[in-house]
Amino acid sequence: MTGTIETILLFFAVLVVVAIVARRLNTAPSVLLVVAGIALAIIPGLPRLELAPELVLLGILPPLIYSAGVAMSWREFRFNLRPITLLAFGCVIFTTCAVAVVAHFVLGMPLAVGFVLGAIVAPPDVVAPLAIVRRLGLPRRLTLVLEGEGLANDATALILYRFAVAAVSTGVFSLGEAAGTFALIVVGEIGYGIGVGWVSLRLRRWARDPRVEITLSLMTPYIAFLVPAQLGGSGVLATIAAGLFVSWNGPLLIPAATRLQGIFFWDLLVYLLEGFVFLVTGMQMRTLLDETDMIRLRDLPATILIVLAVIVVARFIWVFPATYLPRWLSPSLARRDPSPPWQWTFLLGFVGVRGVVSLAAALAIPLTTLAAASFPDRDLILFVTFGIIVITLIGQGVVLPSVVRWLALPHDADDERRRERDAEITARLESLNVAQGRLDELATNGDLAPEVLAILQARHDHRAVQLPKNAADAHKAVAAAAELRLQLIAAEREYIYRLLQDGKITDEARRHIERELDLEEASLAFKREGGAETPL
């Protein structure tokens, strides 16, 4: 027990130190966490931490997928469903087949084993690339397509993986049966996930207690994931569907108190889970070294490079036709959704970081087949998977910022954010006009006492004066006002603290005032950082 507590404390310490170092070096913490994990793995005397596949697939993955699903806009997801589907399903299947063919004819693996390897390394990770690209100021649509692909492609890969492992273990495979099962799993999981999201929102509406509602929000991804996973599906699509349903239907059903508390709870949870994932991924180096016969893996570096080249080339081969060919074939699609610049397509092809789901799938490969024979090339698949994860994560973490600057994508993102801010200011002004109209209606009908009307009008005027009169004046005015408001809040805090020290107010009064200041400061920081919807 003591050793477990010490290990947990070590993880927290590493997360803190790496976060500080990453900020100082202006680099992605995910890259440094993997490097730190590898360093910890080779230090003599430290306990070996073996990653249980069930912990990743059943313990860590559901809340990460669900939180990303809730943070995603259903409207934007639906608009980008075609490119997301082409990447999450088409590109994964294409890459799996490419790896299988090369592994069979070049590396000498049995074809079914090649499909196991292909299904493991085909899907880009949902956590790793976003941990890198979110820092780079990419256009929203690029980020959303990458995130949507990362969410859905795990489902495709895990289903293909189970088919391939079963084919190696039994020696039997039916393409028609596999295709029918795949379609049934996709439809069934989406329907089940929507049902879980609907029930979750109804239960929370009855609960009306932030603590209970947040607990229900934590249970939702596990309920959505575990049932399909136990029935032979992936669980991923059900969790995505539940998250998107809550994202679209939750804003008018989730109380403000729950939303405010849920933001900070889920932000901390996702931060810790992501940090744990990257750190433990690097620490698997010790497990692989201890359990593998290295003499049998003399050609490992060449094998890793060959498979890496295949997945990189396959992705570029798929991405460009999948982006432009549908628009060439459908003029109506081209008018509705014009072709993006080639720089966007190049980045989609370039970003292909593999992560912990691939590692968990490789570790979950059975030791033997149903015939009691050793699973062919299991150790080789483990090392190839780990090598590709490390190379893509560290390599792209280092190179990607330069590639983004070379493609001039931050300029596109700046224009996009300017348009979004204009639309936001316009929406705020229009919503205030709607509220003023309702207030005038109540005043005309005589439904309000003069004192109440004065209070409401003063609140409305206070909110209205904080906004510029038109969106064109919004950017500098809102930014300057936010900075000054933070300074004013800091001045109020210092004064309230002096009153407390002088005994002029009680701690209870200080806490009431402090909470109001905390909420105002948090709202300012949340807007400046472009916060997403809380996973509730």
Protein backbone atom coordinates (compact mmCIF):
# COMPACT_ATOMS: atom_id res chain seq x y z
CA MET A 1 0.00 0.00 0.00
CA THR A 2 2.82 2.38 0.91
CA GLY A 3 4.51 1.66 -2.41
CA THR A 4 1.32 2.49 -4.30
CA ILE A 5 0.96 5.83 -2.52
CA GLU A 6 4.60 6.66 -3.21
CA THR A 7 4.13 5.82 -6.90
CA ILE A 8 1.05 8.06 -7.13
CA LEU A 9 2.91 10.91 -5.44
CA LEU A 10 5.80 10.39 -7.87
CA PHE A 11 3.36 10.71 -10.79
CA PHE A 12 1.95 13.95 -9.42
CA ALA A 13 5.45 15.33 -8.85
CA VAL A 14 6.52 14.46 -12.41
CA LEU A 15 3.35 16.05 -13.83
CA VAL A 16 4.04 19.28 -11.97
CA VAL A 17 7.73 19.44 -12.86
CA VAL A 18 7.11 18.60 -16.53
CA ALA A 19 4.34 21.23 -16.76
CA ILE A 20 6.70 23.89 -15.40
CA VAL A 21 9.57 22.85 -17.68
CA ALA A 22 7.28 22.68 -20.73
CA ARG A 23 6.02 26.20 -20.06
CA ARG A 24 9.59 27.46 -19.73
CA LEU A 25 10.64 25.71 -22.96
CA ASN A 26 7.38 26.58 -24.76
CA THR A 27 6.88 22.98 -25.83
CA ALA A 28 4.08 20.43 -25.53
CA PRO A 29 3.96 18.77 -22.09
CA SER A 30 2.89 15.51 -23.75
CA VAL A 31 6.27 15.15 -25.45
CA LEU A 32 8.20 15.76 -22.25
CA LEU A 33 5.97 13.38 -20.30
CA VAL A 34 6.76 10.52 -22.67
CA VAL A 35 10.48 11.31 -22.44
CA ALA A 36 10.19 11.47 -18.64
CA GLY A 37 8.40 8.12 -18.64
CA ILE A 38 11.17 6.50 -20.67
CA ALA A 39 13.76 8.00 -18.32
CA LEU A 40 11.92 6.64 -15.27
CA ALA A 41 11.65 3.24 -16.92
CA ILE A 42 15.42 2.82 -17.29
CA ILE A 43 16.38 4.15 -13.85
CA PRO A 44 17.50 1.17 -11.72
CA GLY A 45 15.60 0.59 -8.51
CA LEU A 46 12.32 2.23 -9.48
CA PRO A 47 9.29 -0.08 -9.51
CA ARG A 48 8.17 -1.36 -12.87
CA LEU A 49 4.71 -0.14 -13.86
CA GLU A 50 3.01 -2.44 -16.32
CA LEU A 51 0.08 -0.89 -18.15
CA ALA A 52 -3.00 -3.10 -18.01
CA PRO A 53 -4.93 -2.88 -21.31
CA GLU A 54 -8.21 -2.99 -19.40
CA LEU A 55 -7.18 0.10 -17.44
CA VAL A 56 -6.78 2.09 -20.65
CA LEU A 57 -9.70 0.73 -22.64
CA LEU A 58 -12.21 0.54 -19.79
CA GLY A 59 -10.88 3.02 -17.22
CA ILE A 60 -9.16 5.95 -18.93
CA LEU A 61 -10.52 6.05 -22.47
CA PRO A 62 -14.28 6.55 -21.74
CA PRO A 63 -14.05 9.88 -19.84
CA LEU A 64 -11.51 11.26 -22.33
CA ILE A 65 -13.73 10.39 -25.30
CA TYR A 66 -16.87 11.64 -23.57
CA SER A 67 -15.31 14.96 -22.55
CA ALA A 68 -14.12 15.52 -26.11
CA GLY A 69 -17.58 14.64 -27.43
CA VAL A 70 -19.32 17.10 -25.10
CA ALA A 71 -16.79 19.83 -25.92
CA MET A 72 -17.44 19.32 -29.64
CA SER A 73 -20.21 21.22 -31.41
CA TRP A 74 -22.82 18.83 -32.82
CA ARG A 75 -23.64 21.33 -35.57
CA GLU A 76 -20.00 21.53 -36.64
CA PHE A 77 -19.53 17.79 -36.25
CA ARG A 78 -22.52 17.15 -38.51
CA PHE A 79 -21.26 19.64 -41.10
CA ASN A 80 -17.86 17.91 -41.11
CA LEU A 81 -19.26 14.38 -40.91
CA ARG A 82 -18.09 13.52 -44.44
CA PRO A 83 -14.36 14.29 -43.92
CA ILE A 84 -14.47 12.79 -40.41
CA THR A 85 -16.05 9.60 -41.75
CA LEU A 86 -13.61 9.36 -44.64
CA LEU A 87 -10.71 9.62 -42.19
CA ALA A 88 -12.08 7.65 -39.24
CA PHE A 89 -13.39 4.75 -41.30
CA GLY A 90 -11.91 4.95 -44.79
CA CYS A 91 -8.37 5.98 -43.89
CA VAL A 92 -8.12 3.50 -41.00
CA ILE A 93 -9.27 0.59 -43.17
CA PHE A 94 -6.98 1.68 -46.02
CA THR A 95 -3.98 2.03 -43.69
CA THR A 96 -4.72 -1.33 -42.03
CA CYS A 97 -4.77 -3.06 -45.40
CA ALA A 98 -1.58 -1.30 -46.54
CA VAL A 99 0.31 -2.32 -43.40
CA ALA A 100 -1.00 -5.88 -43.66
CA VAL A 101 0.15 -6.25 -47.28
CA VAL A 102 3.62 -4.81 -46.60
CA ALA A 103 4.00 -6.86 -43.41
CA HIS A 104 3.12 -10.01 -45.33
CA PHE A 105 5.15 -9.53 -48.51
CA VAL A 106 8.10 -7.50 -47.14
CA LEU A 107 8.42 -8.52 -43.49
CA GLY A 108 7.26 -12.11 -43.91
CA MET A 109 4.38 -12.02 -41.42
CA PRO A 110 1.29 -14.18 -41.97
CA LEU A 111 -1.38 -12.04 -43.58
CA ALA A 112 -3.78 -12.29 -40.64
CA VAL A 113 -1.00 -11.21 -38.25
CA GLY A 114 -0.26 -8.31 -40.58
CA PHE A 115 -3.87 -7.23 -40.22
CA VAL A 116 -3.49 -7.32 -36.43
CA LEU A 117 -0.47 -5.03 -36.69
CA GLY A 118 -2.26 -2.79 -39.18
CA ALA A 119 -5.35 -2.39 -37.00
CA ILE A 120 -3.14 -1.49 -34.03
CA VAL A 121 -1.02 1.20 -35.71
CA ALA A 122 -3.60 2.57 -38.17
CA PRO A 123 -5.60 4.97 -35.95
CA PRO A 124 -4.08 8.30 -34.91
CA ASP A 125 -4.62 8.93 -31.22
CA VAL A 126 -7.41 11.14 -29.90
CA VAL A 127 -5.36 12.61 -27.04
CA ALA A 128 -1.81 13.04 -28.30
CA PRO A 129 -2.28 15.14 -31.47
CA LEU A 130 -4.80 17.47 -29.89
CA ALA A 131 -2.49 18.04 -26.95
CA ILE A 132 -0.02 19.36 -29.53
CA VAL A 133 -2.15 21.14 -32.15
CA ARG A 134 -4.32 23.08 -29.66
CA ARG A 135 -1.24 25.09 -28.72
CA LEU A 136 -0.55 26.06 -32.32
CA GLY A 137 -3.59 28.21 -33.13
CA LEU A 138 -4.96 26.11 -36.00
CA PRO A 139 -8.21 27.02 -37.77
CA ARG A 140 -11.18 25.61 -35.88
CA ARG A 141 -12.30 23.32 -38.70
CA LEU A 142 -8.92 21.64 -38.93
CA THR A 143 -8.88 21.02 -35.20
CA LEU A 144 -12.46 19.75 -35.24
CA VAL A 145 -11.80 17.29 -38.10
CA LEU A 146 -8.69 15.97 -36.34
CA GLU A 147 -10.61 15.64 -33.08
CA GLY A 148 -13.58 13.98 -34.73
CA GLU A 149 -11.30 11.54 -36.53
CA GLY A 150 -9.43 10.77 -33.31
CA LEU A 151 -12.69 10.04 -31.53
CA ALA A 152 -14.26 7.76 -34.14
CA ASN A 153 -11.24 5.99 -35.60
CA ASP A 154 -10.59 4.09 -32.37
CA ALA A 155 -13.92 2.36 -32.89
CA THR A 156 -12.98 1.29 -36.42
CA ALA A 157 -9.53 0.11 -35.36
CA LEU A 158 -10.70 -1.81 -32.28
CA ILE A 159 -13.37 -3.64 -34.26
CA LEU A 160 -10.88 -4.52 -37.01
CA TYR A 161 -8.40 -5.56 -34.33
CA ARG A 162 -10.85 -8.00 -32.76
CA PHE A 163 -11.69 -9.50 -36.14
CA ALA A 164 -7.98 -9.91 -36.95
CA VAL A 165 -7.07 -11.43 -33.57
CA ALA A 166 -9.96 -13.86 -33.88
CA ALA A 167 -8.80 -14.82 -37.39
CA VAL A 168 -5.26 -15.54 -36.12
CA SER A 169 -6.54 -17.47 -33.10
CA THR A 170 -9.10 -19.59 -34.95
CA GLY A 171 -7.72 -19.59 -38.48
CA VAL A 172 -11.20 -18.69 -39.80
CA PHE A 173 -12.36 -15.37 -41.30
CA SER A 174 -15.43 -14.42 -43.31
CA LEU A 175 -15.42 -11.00 -44.98
CA GLY A 176 -19.18 -10.91 -45.44
CA GLU A 177 -19.88 -11.85 -41.83
CA ALA A 178 -17.31 -9.32 -40.60
CA ALA A 179 -18.85 -6.52 -42.72
CA GLY A 180 -22.34 -7.28 -41.44
CA THR A 181 -21.17 -7.39 -37.84
CA PHE A 182 -19.30 -4.12 -38.32
CA ALA A 183 -22.41 -2.35 -39.64
CA LEU A 184 -24.54 -3.78 -36.81
CA ILE A 185 -22.04 -2.59 -34.20
CA VAL A 186 -21.94 0.94 -35.67
CA VAL A 187 -25.73 1.34 -35.79
CA GLY A 188 -26.30 -0.33 -32.43
CA GLU A 189 -23.67 1.69 -30.58
CA ILE A 190 -24.89 5.03 -31.92
CA GLY A 191 -28.46 4.24 -30.90
CA TYR A 192 -27.41 3.01 -27.48
CA GLY A 193 -25.21 6.06 -26.89
CA ILE A 194 -28.05 8.45 -27.72
CA GLY A 195 -30.26 6.55 -25.26
CA VAL A 196 -27.63 6.82 -22.52
CA GLY A 197 -27.30 10.56 -23.12
CA TRP A 198 -31.08 11.03 -22.97
CA VAL A 199 -31.43 9.08 -19.71
CA SER A 200 -28.45 10.90 -18.19
CA LEU A 201 -29.97 14.33 -18.83
CA ARG A 202 -33.36 13.27 -17.46
CA LEU A 203 -31.86 11.86 -14.26
CA ARG A 204 -29.85 15.02 -13.69
CA ARG A 205 -32.90 17.16 -14.26
CA TRP A 206 -34.65 15.29 -11.47
CA ALA A 207 -31.61 15.37 -9.15
CA ARG A 208 -31.14 19.15 -9.00
CA ASP A 209 -28.02 18.76 -6.88
CA PRO A 210 -24.65 19.72 -8.42
CA ARG A 211 -22.79 16.96 -6.58
CA VAL A 212 -25.23 14.29 -7.72
CA GLU A 213 -25.32 15.66 -11.26
CA ILE A 214 -21.53 15.73 -11.57
CA THR A 215 -21.40 12.16 -10.26
CA LEU A 216 -23.93 11.17 -12.91
CA SER A 217 -21.86 12.96 -15.55
CA LEU A 218 -18.85 10.86 -14.48
CA MET A 219 -20.89 7.64 -14.68
CA THR A 220 -22.30 8.42 -18.13
CA PRO A 221 -19.19 7.61 -20.24
CA TYR A 222 -18.61 4.34 -18.40
CA ILE A 223 -22.22 3.22 -18.83
CA ALA A 224 -22.06 4.17 -22.52
CA PHE A 225 -18.73 2.40 -23.04
CA LEU A 226 -18.87 -0.77 -20.95
CA VAL A 227 -22.08 -2.38 -22.23
CA PRO A 228 -21.14 -2.36 -25.96
CA ALA A 229 -17.56 -3.36 -25.10
CA GLN A 230 -18.81 -6.38 -23.16
CA LEU A 231 -21.10 -7.37 -26.05
CA GLY A 232 -18.28 -7.43 -28.60
CA GLY A 233 -18.35 -3.84 -29.84
CA SER A 234 -15.86 -1.08 -29.21
CA GLY A 235 -17.83 1.20 -26.88
CA VAL A 236 -16.23 4.22 -28.53
CA LEU A 237 -19.09 5.18 -30.83
CA ALA A 238 -21.63 4.86 -28.02
CA THR A 239 -19.57 7.17 -25.81
CA ILE A 240 -19.19 9.72 -28.62
CA ALA A 241 -22.92 9.61 -29.33
CA ALA A 242 -23.73 10.15 -25.65
CA GLY A 243 -21.32 13.09 -25.46
CA LEU A 244 -22.67 14.76 -28.59
CA PHE A 245 -26.26 14.28 -27.41
CA VAL A 246 -25.50 15.92 -24.07
CA SER A 247 -23.60 18.71 -25.84
CA TRP A 248 -26.57 19.54 -28.06
CA ASN A 249 -29.43 19.07 -25.57
CA GLY A 250 -27.77 19.94 -22.26
CA PRO A 251 -27.44 23.75 -22.27
CA LEU A 252 -31.09 24.37 -21.33
CA LEU A 253 -31.33 21.38 -18.96
CA ILE A 254 -28.13 21.65 -16.90
CA PRO A 255 -28.34 24.20 -14.03
CA ALA A 256 -25.78 26.97 -13.78
CA ALA A 257 -24.38 25.74 -10.45
CA THR A 258 -23.72 22.31 -11.92
CA ARG A 259 -22.09 23.77 -15.00
CA LEU A 260 -19.77 26.03 -12.99
CA GLN A 261 -18.62 23.25 -10.68
CA GLY A 262 -18.42 20.73 -13.51
CA ILE A 263 -16.05 22.89 -15.53
CA PHE A 264 -13.35 22.74 -12.89
CA PHE A 265 -13.96 19.09 -11.97
CA TRP A 266 -13.70 17.84 -15.54
CA ASP A 267 -10.82 20.12 -16.42
CA LEU A 268 -8.74 18.66 -13.58
CA LEU A 269 -9.84 15.09 -14.32
CA VAL A 270 -8.93 15.27 -18.00
CA TYR A 271 -5.62 16.96 -17.18
CA LEU A 272 -4.63 14.18 -14.78
CA LEU A 273 -5.79 11.37 -17.07
CA GLU A 274 -3.96 12.77 -20.09
CA GLY A 275 -0.78 13.30 -18.06
CA PHE A 276 -1.01 9.76 -16.70
CA VAL A 277 -1.48 8.37 -20.21
CA PHE A 278 1.63 10.05 -21.63
CA LEU A 279 3.81 9.27 -18.62
CA VAL A 280 2.83 5.61 -18.39
CA THR A 281 3.23 5.20 -22.15
CA GLY A 282 6.92 6.06 -21.82
CA MET A 283 7.30 3.83 -18.77
CA GLN A 284 6.30 0.76 -20.77
CA MET A 285 9.87 0.66 -22.09
CA ARG A 286 10.88 -1.33 -18.99
CA THR A 287 8.05 -3.85 -19.48
CA LEU A 288 8.97 -4.45 -23.11
CA LEU A 289 12.66 -4.87 -22.32
CA ASP A 290 12.01 -7.29 -19.46
CA GLU A 291 9.53 -9.53 -21.26
CA THR A 292 10.99 -9.69 -24.75
CA ASP A 293 13.75 -11.80 -26.22
CA MET A 294 15.85 -9.11 -27.90
CA ILE A 295 17.86 -11.67 -29.90
CA ARG A 296 14.73 -12.40 -31.91
CA LEU A 297 14.31 -8.68 -32.67
CA ARG A 298 17.62 -7.93 -34.36
CA ASP A 299 15.90 -6.30 -37.34
CA LEU A 300 13.57 -4.24 -35.15
CA PRO A 301 14.76 -0.72 -36.18
CA ALA A 302 14.31 -1.49 -39.86
CA THR A 303 10.90 -3.02 -39.21
CA ILE A 304 9.74 0.05 -37.28
CA LEU A 305 10.91 2.39 -40.03
CA ILE A 306 9.20 0.32 -42.73
CA VAL A 307 5.86 0.26 -40.91
CA LEU A 308 6.18 3.95 -40.08
CA ALA A 309 6.81 4.78 -43.73
CA VAL A 310 3.74 2.77 -44.74
CA ILE A 311 1.35 4.52 -42.34
CA VAL A 312 2.70 7.97 -43.27
CA VAL A 313 2.54 7.37 -47.03
CA ALA A 314 -0.85 5.65 -46.82
CA ARG A 315 -2.33 8.61 -44.98
CA PHE A 316 -1.11 11.11 -47.58
CA ILE A 317 -2.32 8.84 -50.40
CA TRP A 318 -5.76 8.73 -48.81
CA VAL A 319 -6.16 12.31 -47.60
CA PHE A 320 -5.71 14.25 -50.85
CA PRO A 321 -8.17 12.25 -53.02
CA ALA A 322 -10.64 12.04 -50.11
CA THR A 323 -10.55 15.84 -49.82
CA TYR A 324 -10.78 16.89 -53.45
CA LEU A 325 -12.32 13.97 -55.38
CA PRO A 326 -15.84 14.26 -53.85
CA ARG A 327 -15.95 17.94 -54.83
CA TRP A 328 -14.83 17.17 -58.37
CA LEU A 329 -17.56 14.53 -58.66
CA SER A 330 -20.29 16.63 -57.02
CA PRO A 331 -20.60 20.28 -58.15
CA SER A 332 -23.31 20.87 -55.55
CA LEU A 333 -20.91 19.78 -52.79
CA ALA A 334 -18.22 22.05 -54.22
CA ARG A 335 -20.60 25.02 -54.09
CA ARG A 336 -21.83 24.19 -50.60
CA ASP A 337 -18.40 23.38 -49.20
CA PRO A 338 -15.56 24.70 -51.40
CA SER A 339 -12.23 22.91 -51.44
CA PRO A 340 -9.92 23.90 -48.60
CA PRO A 341 -6.42 25.23 -49.32
CA TRP A 342 -3.81 22.56 -49.98
CA GLN A 343 -2.06 23.61 -46.78
CA TRP A 344 -5.02 22.36 -44.74
CA THR A 345 -5.01 19.04 -46.54
CA PHE A 346 -1.27 18.67 -46.14
CA LEU A 347 -1.55 19.18 -42.39
CA LEU A 348 -4.33 16.59 -42.17
CA GLY A 349 -2.02 14.16 -43.90
CA PHE A 350 0.98 15.11 -41.80
CA VAL A 351 -0.66 14.78 -38.36
CA GLY A 352 -0.69 11.11 -37.47
CA VAL A 353 0.42 10.72 -33.86
CA ARG A 354 -0.19 7.26 -32.44
CA GLY A 355 -0.98 6.90 -28.76
CA VAL A 356 -1.97 4.83 -25.81
CA VAL A 357 -4.94 3.05 -27.43
CA SER A 358 -2.56 1.45 -29.92
CA LEU A 359 -0.26 0.43 -27.08
CA ALA A 360 -3.14 -1.00 -25.05
CA ALA A 361 -4.35 -3.01 -28.04
CA ALA A 362 -0.84 -4.40 -28.59
CA LEU A 363 -0.51 -5.36 -24.92
CA ALA A 364 -3.93 -7.05 -25.08
CA ILE A 365 -2.85 -9.50 -27.79
CA PRO A 366 -3.32 -13.00 -26.32
CA LEU A 367 -0.21 -15.03 -25.57
CA THR A 368 -1.53 -18.09 -27.37
CA THR A 369 -4.02 -19.03 -30.06
CA LEU A 370 -6.95 -21.40 -29.53
CA ALA A 371 -4.68 -24.21 -30.71
CA ALA A 372 -2.37 -23.48 -27.70
CA ALA A 373 0.39 -22.22 -30.01
CA SER A 374 2.23 -18.97 -29.32
CA PHE A 375 0.60 -15.97 -30.95
CA PRO A 376 2.78 -15.30 -34.03
CA ASP A 377 5.12 -12.26 -33.82
CA ARG A 378 3.52 -10.91 -30.64
CA ASP A 379 6.78 -9.45 -29.27
CA LEU A 380 7.59 -7.88 -32.64
CA ILE A 381 4.15 -6.21 -32.80
CA LEU A 382 4.62 -4.84 -29.26
CA PHE A 383 7.98 -3.26 -30.04
CA VAL A 384 6.91 -1.90 -33.43
CA THR A 385 3.85 -0.30 -31.85
CA PHE A 386 5.85 1.27 -29.04
CA GLY A 387 8.51 2.53 -31.47
CA ILE A 388 5.93 4.15 -33.74
CA ILE A 389 4.18 5.82 -30.78
CA VAL A 390 7.45 7.29 -29.48
CA ILE A 391 8.68 8.41 -32.91
CA THR A 392 5.41 10.00 -34.00
CA LEU A 393 4.70 11.65 -30.66
CA ILE A 394 8.16 13.08 -30.03
CA GLY A 395 8.93 13.71 -33.70
CA GLN A 396 5.70 15.52 -34.50
CA GLY A 397 5.72 17.30 -31.16
CA VAL A 398 9.06 18.83 -32.15
CA VAL A 399 8.47 19.35 -35.88
CA LEU A 400 4.78 20.25 -36.02
CA PRO A 401 5.10 23.89 -34.84
CA SER A 402 7.59 24.57 -37.66
CA VAL A 403 5.32 22.87 -40.20
CA VAL A 404 2.33 24.93 -39.04
CA ARG A 405 4.32 28.16 -39.38
CA TRP A 406 5.59 27.10 -42.83
CA LEU A 407 2.00 26.50 -43.95
CA ALA A 408 0.96 29.94 -42.54
CA LEU A 409 -2.01 28.36 -40.76
CA PRO A 410 -1.98 30.72 -37.74
CA HIS A 411 -2.90 33.57 -40.12
CA ASP A 412 -6.02 31.65 -41.20
CA ALA A 413 -6.84 30.97 -37.55
CA ASP A 414 -6.52 34.68 -36.66
CA ASP A 415 -9.02 35.61 -39.36
CA GLU A 416 -11.36 32.88 -38.17
CA ARG A 417 -11.17 33.95 -34.53
CA ARG A 418 -11.83 37.56 -35.56
CA ARG A 419 -15.03 36.48 -37.34
CA GLU A 420 -16.07 34.40 -34.35
CA ARG A 421 -15.53 37.31 -31.97
CA ASP A 422 -17.57 39.56 -34.26
CA ALA A 423 -20.41 37.02 -34.26
CA GLU A 424 -20.19 36.65 -30.47
CA ILE A 425 -20.39 40.39 -29.83
CA THR A 426 -23.31 40.69 -32.25
CA ALA A 427 -25.12 37.82 -30.50
CA ARG A 428 -24.54 39.41 -27.10
CA LEU A 429 -25.91 42.76 -28.28
CA GLU A 430 -28.96 41.14 -29.89
CA SER A 431 -29.71 39.01 -26.82
CA LEU A 432 -29.54 42.13 -24.63
CA ASN A 433 -32.02 43.82 -26.98
CA VAL A 434 -34.35 40.82 -26.60
CA ALA A 435 -34.07 41.06 -22.80
CA GLN A 436 -34.72 44.83 -22.93
CA GLY A 437 -37.82 44.19 -25.01
CA ARG A 438 -39.11 41.69 -22.47
CA LEU A 439 -38.36 44.13 -19.65
CA ASP A 440 -40.25 46.94 -21.46
CA GLU A 441 -43.19 44.58 -21.96
CA LEU A 442 -43.33 43.79 -18.24
CA ALA A 443 -43.11 47.50 -17.39
CA THR A 444 -45.91 48.38 -19.82
CA ASN A 445 -48.21 45.69 -18.39
CA GLY A 446 -47.60 47.00 -14.87
CA ASP A 447 -46.45 43.57 -13.66
CA LEU A 448 -43.44 44.98 -11.78
CA ALA A 449 -43.17 47.31 -8.82
CA PRO A 450 -41.10 50.45 -9.56
CA GLU A 451 -38.36 49.34 -7.15
CA VAL A 452 -38.05 45.92 -8.85
CA LEU A 453 -38.10 47.52 -12.30
CA ALA A 454 -35.29 49.90 -11.28
CA ILE A 455 -33.13 47.01 -10.05
CA LEU A 456 -33.64 45.00 -13.24
CA GLN A 457 -33.05 48.01 -15.48
CA ALA A 458 -29.82 48.84 -13.61
CA ARG A 459 -28.62 45.24 -14.08
CA HIS A 460 -29.45 45.37 -17.78
CA ASP A 461 -27.72 48.74 -18.25
CA HIS A 462 -24.66 47.44 -16.41
CA ARG A 463 -24.36 44.49 -18.80
CA ALA A 464 -25.04 46.59 -21.88
CA VAL A 465 -22.37 49.20 -21.08
CA GLN A 466 -19.71 46.47 -20.96
CA LEU A 467 -20.14 45.80 -24.68
CA PRO A 468 -19.18 48.05 -27.59
CA LYS A 469 -22.00 49.37 -29.70
CA ASN A 470 -20.93 47.36 -32.75
CA ALA A 471 -18.77 44.32 -33.43
CA ALA A 472 -16.16 46.29 -35.34
CA ASP A 473 -15.07 48.05 -32.14
CA ALA A 474 -15.12 44.85 -30.09
CA HIS A 475 -11.61 43.39 -30.18
CA LYS A 476 -9.42 46.00 -28.52
CA ALA A 477 -12.17 47.36 -26.29
CA VAL A 478 -13.15 43.97 -24.86
CA ALA A 479 -9.52 42.90 -24.39
CA ALA A 480 -8.58 46.16 -22.66
CA ALA A 481 -11.66 46.03 -20.46
CA ALA A 482 -10.91 42.43 -19.45
CA GLU A 483 -7.38 43.31 -18.37
CA LEU A 484 -8.58 46.29 -16.35
CA ARG A 485 -11.35 44.23 -14.74
CA LEU A 486 -8.76 41.74 -13.56
CA GLN A 487 -6.78 44.56 -11.98
CA LEU A 488 -9.92 45.90 -10.28
CA ILE A 489 -10.75 42.44 -8.96
CA ALA A 490 -7.24 42.13 -7.53
CA ALA A 491 -7.63 45.51 -5.79
CA GLU A 492 -10.95 44.40 -4.28
CA ARG A 493 -9.37 41.17 -3.03
CA GLU A 494 -6.60 43.04 -1.24
CA TYR A 495 -9.06 45.41 0.41
CA ILE A 496 -11.40 42.62 1.53
CA TYR A 497 -8.42 40.76 3.00
CA ARG A 498 -7.38 43.86 4.98
CA LEU A 499 -10.94 44.19 6.33
CA LEU A 500 -10.76 40.58 7.46
CA GLN A 501 -7.40 41.13 9.18
CA ASP A 502 -8.76 44.21 10.94
CA GLY A 503 -11.75 42.25 12.22
CA LYS A 504 -14.31 44.41 10.34
CA ILE A 505 -15.86 41.44 8.49
CA THR A 506 -16.17 37.75 9.32
CA ASP A 507 -14.69 34.87 7.36
CA GLU A 508 -18.18 33.96 6.19
CA ALA A 509 -18.70 37.43 4.69
CA ARG A 510 -15.26 37.26 3.11
CA ARG A 511 -16.12 33.92 1.50
CA HIS A 512 -19.35 35.30 0.02
CA ILE A 513 -17.57 38.28 -1.54
CA GLU A 514 -14.63 36.13 -2.62
CA ARG A 515 -16.90 33.66 -4.44
CA GLU A 516 -18.43 36.45 -6.50
CA LEU A 517 -14.97 37.75 -7.39
CA ASP A 518 -13.79 34.22 -8.19
CA LEU A 519 -16.69 33.65 -10.58
CA GLU A 520 -16.09 36.95 -12.36
CA GLU A 521 -12.35 36.31 -12.67
CA ALA A 522 -12.92 32.73 -13.84
CA SER A 523 -15.34 33.94 -16.53
CA LEU A 524 -12.74 36.41 -17.81
CA ALA A 525 -10.00 33.78 -17.89
CA PHE A 526 -12.35 31.27 -19.52
CA LYS A 527 -13.23 33.69 -22.32
CA ARG A 528 -9.61 34.66 -22.93
CA GLU A 529 -8.55 31.00 -23.18
CA GLY A 530 -11.44 30.02 -25.43
CA GLY A 531 -12.91 27.50 -22.97
CA ALA A 532 -15.05 24.65 -24.19
CA GLU A 533 -18.31 23.24 -22.94
CA THR A 534 -18.05 21.31 -19.68
CA PRO A 535 -18.47 17.51 -20.09
CA LEU A 536 -21.82 17.23 -18.35
